[in-house]
N, C-alpha and C. Protein backbone atom coordinates (compact mmCIF):
# COMPACT_ATOMS: atom_id res chain seq x y z
N MET A 1 -12.21 6.83 -18.56
CA MET A 1 -11.40 5.66 -18.31
C MET A 1 -11.47 5.36 -16.83
N ARG A 2 -11.58 4.08 -16.49
CA ARG A 2 -11.64 3.71 -15.08
C ARG A 2 -10.91 2.39 -14.89
N LYS A 3 -10.43 2.20 -13.71
CA LYS A 3 -9.77 0.96 -13.36
C LYS A 3 -10.80 0.03 -12.75
N ALA A 4 -10.73 -1.24 -13.11
CA ALA A 4 -11.67 -2.22 -12.56
C ALA A 4 -11.36 -2.47 -11.11
N ASP A 5 -12.40 -2.68 -10.33
CA ASP A 5 -12.23 -2.88 -8.90
C ASP A 5 -13.34 -3.80 -8.40
N PRO A 6 -13.29 -5.11 -8.74
CA PRO A 6 -14.41 -5.99 -8.46
C PRO A 6 -14.62 -6.29 -6.99
N GLY A 7 -13.58 -6.38 -6.21
CA GLY A 7 -13.76 -6.78 -4.82
C GLY A 7 -13.10 -5.82 -3.86
N GLY A 8 -12.99 -4.55 -4.24
CA GLY A 8 -12.40 -3.58 -3.35
C GLY A 8 -10.90 -3.48 -3.52
N GLY A 9 -10.30 -4.37 -4.29
CA GLY A 9 -8.85 -4.33 -4.50
C GLY A 9 -8.51 -3.77 -5.85
N GLU A 10 -7.26 -3.46 -6.05
CA GLU A 10 -6.82 -2.92 -7.33
C GLU A 10 -6.59 -4.06 -8.31
N MET A 11 -6.91 -3.84 -9.58
CA MET A 11 -6.77 -4.86 -10.59
C MET A 11 -5.38 -4.89 -11.20
N SER A 12 -4.50 -4.01 -10.81
CA SER A 12 -3.15 -4.01 -11.34
C SER A 12 -2.30 -4.96 -10.50
N ARG A 13 -1.84 -6.04 -11.12
CA ARG A 13 -1.16 -7.08 -10.36
C ARG A 13 0.04 -7.58 -11.13
N THR A 14 1.03 -8.10 -10.41
CA THR A 14 2.21 -8.66 -11.06
C THR A 14 2.56 -10.00 -10.45
N ARG A 15 3.36 -10.77 -11.16
CA ARG A 15 3.85 -12.04 -10.64
C ARG A 15 5.30 -12.18 -11.04
N THR A 16 6.07 -12.78 -10.18
CA THR A 16 7.47 -12.99 -10.48
C THR A 16 7.67 -14.43 -10.91
N LYS A 17 8.41 -14.62 -11.97
CA LYS A 17 8.69 -15.95 -12.48
C LYS A 17 10.20 -16.16 -12.50
N ARG A 18 10.65 -17.26 -11.97
CA ARG A 18 12.09 -17.55 -11.94
C ARG A 18 12.49 -18.24 -13.24
N THR A 19 13.64 -17.85 -13.74
CA THR A 19 14.18 -18.50 -14.92
C THR A 19 15.39 -19.31 -14.51
N ALA A 20 15.73 -20.31 -15.32
CA ALA A 20 16.86 -21.17 -14.99
C ALA A 20 18.18 -20.43 -15.04
N SER A 21 18.27 -19.38 -15.86
CA SER A 21 19.55 -18.73 -16.05
C SER A 21 19.70 -17.39 -15.33
N GLY A 22 18.69 -16.93 -14.63
CA GLY A 22 18.85 -15.61 -14.03
C GLY A 22 17.85 -15.31 -12.95
N PRO A 23 17.78 -14.02 -12.61
CA PRO A 23 16.89 -13.59 -11.53
C PRO A 23 15.43 -13.65 -11.95
N ALA A 24 14.56 -13.35 -11.00
CA ALA A 24 13.12 -13.37 -11.24
C ALA A 24 12.73 -12.33 -12.28
N VAL A 25 11.76 -12.70 -13.12
CA VAL A 25 11.26 -11.82 -14.16
C VAL A 25 9.76 -11.66 -13.95
N ALA A 26 9.26 -10.42 -13.97
CA ALA A 26 7.83 -10.18 -13.79
C ALA A 26 7.10 -10.41 -15.11
N THR A 27 6.03 -11.21 -15.07
CA THR A 27 5.20 -11.45 -16.23
C THR A 27 3.83 -10.86 -15.95
N ILE A 28 3.44 -9.89 -16.76
CA ILE A 28 2.15 -9.23 -16.58
C ILE A 28 1.39 -9.29 -17.89
N VAL A 29 0.14 -9.72 -17.84
CA VAL A 29 -0.73 -9.67 -19.00
C VAL A 29 -1.48 -8.34 -18.90
N MET A 30 -1.27 -7.49 -19.88
CA MET A 30 -1.92 -6.17 -19.88
C MET A 30 -3.13 -6.23 -20.81
N LEU A 31 -4.30 -5.91 -20.24
CA LEU A 31 -5.56 -5.98 -20.97
C LEU A 31 -6.25 -4.64 -20.97
N ARG A 32 -6.94 -4.34 -22.08
CA ARG A 32 -7.80 -3.16 -22.16
C ARG A 32 -9.17 -3.63 -22.62
N LEU A 33 -10.19 -3.26 -21.85
CA LEU A 33 -11.56 -3.60 -22.21
C LEU A 33 -12.29 -2.30 -22.56
N TYR A 34 -12.78 -2.23 -23.78
CA TYR A 34 -13.52 -1.07 -24.26
C TYR A 34 -15.00 -1.37 -24.13
N ILE A 35 -15.71 -0.51 -23.41
CA ILE A 35 -17.14 -0.73 -23.15
C ILE A 35 -17.94 0.51 -23.52
N ALA A 36 -19.26 0.36 -23.56
CA ALA A 36 -20.18 1.47 -23.78
C ALA A 36 -21.02 1.66 -22.52
N SER A 37 -20.46 2.35 -21.56
CA SER A 37 -21.11 2.63 -20.28
C SER A 37 -21.78 1.40 -19.69
N ASP A 38 -23.09 1.50 -19.44
CA ASP A 38 -23.82 0.42 -18.78
C ASP A 38 -24.66 -0.41 -19.75
N ALA A 39 -24.24 -0.45 -21.01
CA ALA A 39 -24.96 -1.28 -21.99
C ALA A 39 -24.88 -2.75 -21.52
N PRO A 40 -25.94 -3.51 -21.71
CA PRO A 40 -25.98 -4.89 -21.21
C PRO A 40 -24.77 -5.74 -21.61
N ASN A 41 -24.37 -5.69 -22.87
CA ASN A 41 -23.21 -6.49 -23.30
C ASN A 41 -21.93 -6.02 -22.62
N SER A 42 -21.81 -4.73 -22.38
CA SER A 42 -20.62 -4.20 -21.71
C SER A 42 -20.57 -4.64 -20.25
N VAL A 43 -21.71 -4.61 -19.59
CA VAL A 43 -21.78 -5.06 -18.19
C VAL A 43 -21.41 -6.54 -18.09
N ARG A 44 -21.93 -7.35 -19.02
CA ARG A 44 -21.59 -8.78 -19.03
C ARG A 44 -20.11 -8.99 -19.33
N ALA A 45 -19.56 -8.21 -20.24
CA ALA A 45 -18.13 -8.35 -20.59
C ALA A 45 -17.25 -8.05 -19.39
N VAL A 46 -17.57 -7.00 -18.64
CA VAL A 46 -16.78 -6.67 -17.44
C VAL A 46 -16.84 -7.83 -16.45
N ALA A 47 -18.04 -8.32 -16.16
CA ALA A 47 -18.19 -9.40 -15.20
C ALA A 47 -17.47 -10.66 -15.66
N ASN A 48 -17.63 -11.01 -16.93
CA ASN A 48 -16.98 -12.21 -17.46
C ASN A 48 -15.46 -12.09 -17.43
N LEU A 49 -14.93 -10.92 -17.80
CA LEU A 49 -13.48 -10.74 -17.82
C LEU A 49 -12.90 -10.76 -16.41
N VAL A 50 -13.56 -10.12 -15.48
CA VAL A 50 -13.08 -10.13 -14.09
C VAL A 50 -13.03 -11.56 -13.57
N ALA A 51 -14.07 -12.36 -13.87
CA ALA A 51 -14.08 -13.75 -13.42
C ALA A 51 -12.94 -14.54 -14.06
N ILE A 52 -12.71 -14.35 -15.36
CA ILE A 52 -11.62 -15.04 -16.05
C ILE A 52 -10.27 -14.65 -15.46
N CYS A 53 -10.07 -13.36 -15.25
CA CYS A 53 -8.79 -12.87 -14.70
C CYS A 53 -8.56 -13.41 -13.29
N ASN A 54 -9.57 -13.35 -12.47
CA ASN A 54 -9.43 -13.85 -11.09
C ASN A 54 -9.14 -15.34 -11.05
N GLU A 55 -9.75 -16.10 -11.94
CA GLU A 55 -9.57 -17.55 -11.94
C GLU A 55 -8.26 -17.98 -12.60
N HIS A 56 -7.91 -17.35 -13.72
CA HIS A 56 -6.79 -17.86 -14.51
C HIS A 56 -5.52 -17.01 -14.45
N LEU A 57 -5.64 -15.75 -14.13
CA LEU A 57 -4.45 -14.89 -14.10
C LEU A 57 -4.05 -14.49 -12.69
N GLN A 58 -4.95 -14.56 -11.76
CA GLN A 58 -4.74 -14.22 -10.36
C GLN A 58 -3.94 -12.94 -10.20
N ASP A 59 -2.66 -13.02 -9.92
CA ASP A 59 -1.85 -11.82 -9.67
C ASP A 59 -0.98 -11.44 -10.86
N LYS A 60 -1.36 -11.86 -12.06
CA LYS A 60 -0.50 -11.68 -13.22
C LYS A 60 -1.11 -10.80 -14.30
N PHE A 61 -1.94 -9.83 -13.94
CA PHE A 61 -2.58 -9.02 -14.96
C PHE A 61 -2.77 -7.58 -14.51
N LYS A 62 -2.94 -6.72 -15.51
CA LYS A 62 -3.33 -5.34 -15.30
C LYS A 62 -4.48 -5.08 -16.27
N LEU A 63 -5.58 -4.58 -15.76
CA LEU A 63 -6.78 -4.36 -16.56
C LEU A 63 -7.14 -2.89 -16.57
N GLU A 64 -7.31 -2.36 -17.77
CA GLU A 64 -7.77 -0.99 -17.95
C GLU A 64 -9.12 -1.05 -18.65
N ILE A 65 -10.13 -0.41 -18.06
CA ILE A 65 -11.46 -0.38 -18.68
C ILE A 65 -11.69 1.02 -19.22
N ILE A 66 -12.00 1.08 -20.52
CA ILE A 66 -12.18 2.36 -21.20
C ILE A 66 -13.62 2.46 -21.68
N ASP A 67 -14.32 3.46 -21.20
CA ASP A 67 -15.69 3.72 -21.63
C ASP A 67 -15.63 4.60 -22.87
N VAL A 68 -15.99 4.04 -24.01
CA VAL A 68 -15.86 4.77 -25.27
C VAL A 68 -16.86 5.92 -25.39
N LEU A 69 -17.90 5.91 -24.57
CA LEU A 69 -18.84 7.04 -24.58
C LEU A 69 -18.24 8.25 -23.86
N GLU A 70 -17.33 7.99 -22.92
CA GLU A 70 -16.64 9.07 -22.22
C GLU A 70 -15.41 9.55 -22.98
N THR A 71 -14.74 8.64 -23.67
CA THR A 71 -13.51 8.98 -24.39
C THR A 71 -13.55 8.39 -25.81
N PRO A 72 -14.42 8.93 -26.67
CA PRO A 72 -14.57 8.37 -28.01
C PRO A 72 -13.30 8.48 -28.87
N LEU A 73 -12.53 9.54 -28.70
CA LEU A 73 -11.33 9.68 -29.50
C LEU A 73 -10.30 8.60 -29.16
N ARG A 74 -10.26 8.19 -27.92
CA ARG A 74 -9.34 7.12 -27.51
C ARG A 74 -9.71 5.83 -28.24
N ALA A 75 -10.99 5.54 -28.33
CA ALA A 75 -11.43 4.33 -29.01
C ALA A 75 -11.05 4.38 -30.49
N VAL A 76 -11.30 5.51 -31.13
CA VAL A 76 -10.97 5.65 -32.55
C VAL A 76 -9.46 5.53 -32.75
N THR A 77 -8.69 6.20 -31.91
CA THR A 77 -7.22 6.14 -32.00
C THR A 77 -6.72 4.71 -31.83
N ASP A 78 -7.35 3.94 -30.94
CA ASP A 78 -6.95 2.56 -30.68
C ASP A 78 -7.54 1.58 -31.70
N GLY A 79 -8.34 2.08 -32.65
CA GLY A 79 -8.91 1.22 -33.68
C GLY A 79 -10.10 0.40 -33.23
N ILE A 80 -10.81 0.89 -32.24
CA ILE A 80 -11.98 0.17 -31.71
C ILE A 80 -13.24 0.72 -32.36
N LEU A 81 -13.98 -0.16 -33.04
CA LEU A 81 -15.21 0.25 -33.71
C LEU A 81 -16.44 -0.39 -33.09
N VAL A 82 -16.25 -1.44 -32.29
CA VAL A 82 -17.36 -2.20 -31.71
C VAL A 82 -17.10 -2.39 -30.22
N THR A 83 -18.17 -2.28 -29.42
CA THR A 83 -18.04 -2.59 -28.00
C THR A 83 -19.01 -3.72 -27.67
N PRO A 84 -18.68 -4.50 -26.68
CA PRO A 84 -17.42 -4.51 -25.96
C PRO A 84 -16.31 -5.16 -26.79
N SER A 85 -15.10 -4.65 -26.61
CA SER A 85 -13.91 -5.21 -27.26
C SER A 85 -12.80 -5.32 -26.23
N LEU A 86 -12.12 -6.43 -26.26
CA LEU A 86 -11.00 -6.67 -25.35
C LEU A 86 -9.72 -6.71 -26.17
N ALA A 87 -8.69 -6.00 -25.70
CA ALA A 87 -7.39 -6.05 -26.35
C ALA A 87 -6.36 -6.55 -25.34
N ARG A 88 -5.62 -7.58 -25.74
CA ARG A 88 -4.46 -7.97 -24.94
C ARG A 88 -3.30 -7.16 -25.50
N VAL A 89 -2.81 -6.22 -24.71
CA VAL A 89 -1.77 -5.31 -25.13
C VAL A 89 -0.40 -5.98 -25.04
N SER A 90 -0.19 -6.71 -23.98
CA SER A 90 1.06 -7.46 -23.84
C SER A 90 0.77 -8.72 -23.05
N PRO A 91 1.50 -9.78 -23.28
CA PRO A 91 2.65 -9.86 -24.17
C PRO A 91 2.23 -9.81 -25.64
N SER A 92 3.17 -9.42 -26.47
CA SER A 92 2.94 -9.33 -27.92
C SER A 92 2.69 -10.71 -28.49
N PRO A 93 2.00 -10.81 -29.60
CA PRO A 93 1.37 -9.75 -30.37
C PRO A 93 0.04 -9.33 -29.76
N MET A 94 -0.41 -8.12 -30.12
CA MET A 94 -1.70 -7.64 -29.64
C MET A 94 -2.79 -8.54 -30.21
N VAL A 95 -3.77 -8.86 -29.36
CA VAL A 95 -4.90 -9.70 -29.76
C VAL A 95 -6.17 -8.98 -29.34
N LYS A 96 -7.20 -9.01 -30.21
CA LYS A 96 -8.48 -8.39 -29.88
C LYS A 96 -9.58 -9.44 -29.93
N VAL A 97 -10.51 -9.32 -28.98
CA VAL A 97 -11.67 -10.20 -28.90
C VAL A 97 -12.89 -9.30 -28.79
N ILE A 98 -13.90 -9.57 -29.60
CA ILE A 98 -15.11 -8.76 -29.60
C ILE A 98 -16.27 -9.56 -29.02
N GLY A 99 -17.08 -8.92 -28.18
CA GLY A 99 -18.25 -9.57 -27.63
C GLY A 99 -18.27 -9.50 -26.12
N ASP A 100 -19.23 -10.20 -25.51
CA ASP A 100 -19.40 -10.11 -24.06
C ASP A 100 -18.50 -11.07 -23.28
N LEU A 101 -17.61 -11.78 -23.99
CA LEU A 101 -16.60 -12.65 -23.38
C LEU A 101 -17.23 -13.80 -22.60
N GLY A 102 -18.44 -14.19 -22.98
CA GLY A 102 -19.16 -15.25 -22.28
C GLY A 102 -18.63 -16.64 -22.55
N ASP A 103 -17.95 -16.86 -23.67
CA ASP A 103 -17.38 -18.16 -23.98
C ASP A 103 -15.96 -18.20 -23.45
N LYS A 104 -15.83 -18.64 -22.21
CA LYS A 104 -14.54 -18.58 -21.50
C LYS A 104 -13.44 -19.34 -22.25
N ARG A 105 -13.75 -20.48 -22.77
CA ARG A 105 -12.74 -21.28 -23.47
C ARG A 105 -12.19 -20.54 -24.68
N THR A 106 -13.07 -19.91 -25.44
CA THR A 106 -12.65 -19.16 -26.61
C THR A 106 -11.81 -17.95 -26.21
N VAL A 107 -12.20 -17.26 -25.16
CA VAL A 107 -11.44 -16.10 -24.69
C VAL A 107 -10.05 -16.53 -24.23
N LEU A 108 -9.97 -17.59 -23.44
CA LEU A 108 -8.68 -18.08 -22.98
C LEU A 108 -7.78 -18.47 -24.15
N HIS A 109 -8.35 -19.15 -25.12
CA HIS A 109 -7.57 -19.55 -26.30
C HIS A 109 -7.09 -18.33 -27.09
N ALA A 110 -7.99 -17.39 -27.34
CA ALA A 110 -7.63 -16.20 -28.12
C ALA A 110 -6.54 -15.39 -27.44
N LEU A 111 -6.62 -15.30 -26.11
CA LEU A 111 -5.64 -14.51 -25.38
C LEU A 111 -4.36 -15.28 -25.06
N GLY A 112 -4.37 -16.58 -25.30
CA GLY A 112 -3.20 -17.39 -25.02
C GLY A 112 -2.89 -17.49 -23.54
N ILE A 113 -3.93 -17.53 -22.70
CA ILE A 113 -3.72 -17.58 -21.26
C ILE A 113 -4.27 -18.85 -20.64
N GLY A 114 -4.27 -19.92 -21.37
CA GLY A 114 -4.78 -21.17 -20.85
C GLY A 114 -3.76 -21.87 -19.98
N GLU A 115 -3.32 -23.00 -20.40
CA GLU A 115 -2.42 -23.85 -19.64
C GLU A 115 -1.05 -23.23 -19.41
N SER A 116 -0.57 -22.41 -20.35
CA SER A 116 0.80 -21.91 -20.27
C SER A 116 1.05 -20.98 -19.09
N ILE A 117 0.03 -20.32 -18.57
CA ILE A 117 0.23 -19.37 -17.48
C ILE A 117 0.00 -20.01 -16.13
N GLU A 118 -0.86 -20.99 -16.06
CA GLU A 118 -1.22 -21.57 -14.76
C GLU A 118 -0.11 -22.36 -14.16
């Protein structure tokens, strides 16, 4: 398991959102990307997801990258049978996307991170 680090910074980020009735509330999109080491589709998935997160989530996400070749039991326990696979862990409900995440519009729609977060 490794943490993504595309530009030398940590990928664990938070954002505070003000509500009309109370104090600031942190909204974090928690993502897990399951990859197979340096397989071409896995490399593309990492690059595509980092670009999507940087553009659309900025400081509102935490990304965990899990190499299923290093931790196969974790993948099986989490119900991952195909790589690359992306799981949005929170906010609920959990959503999974399979593939290299090259279709940005489809990924944004599936994860529910389009217009509502920006």
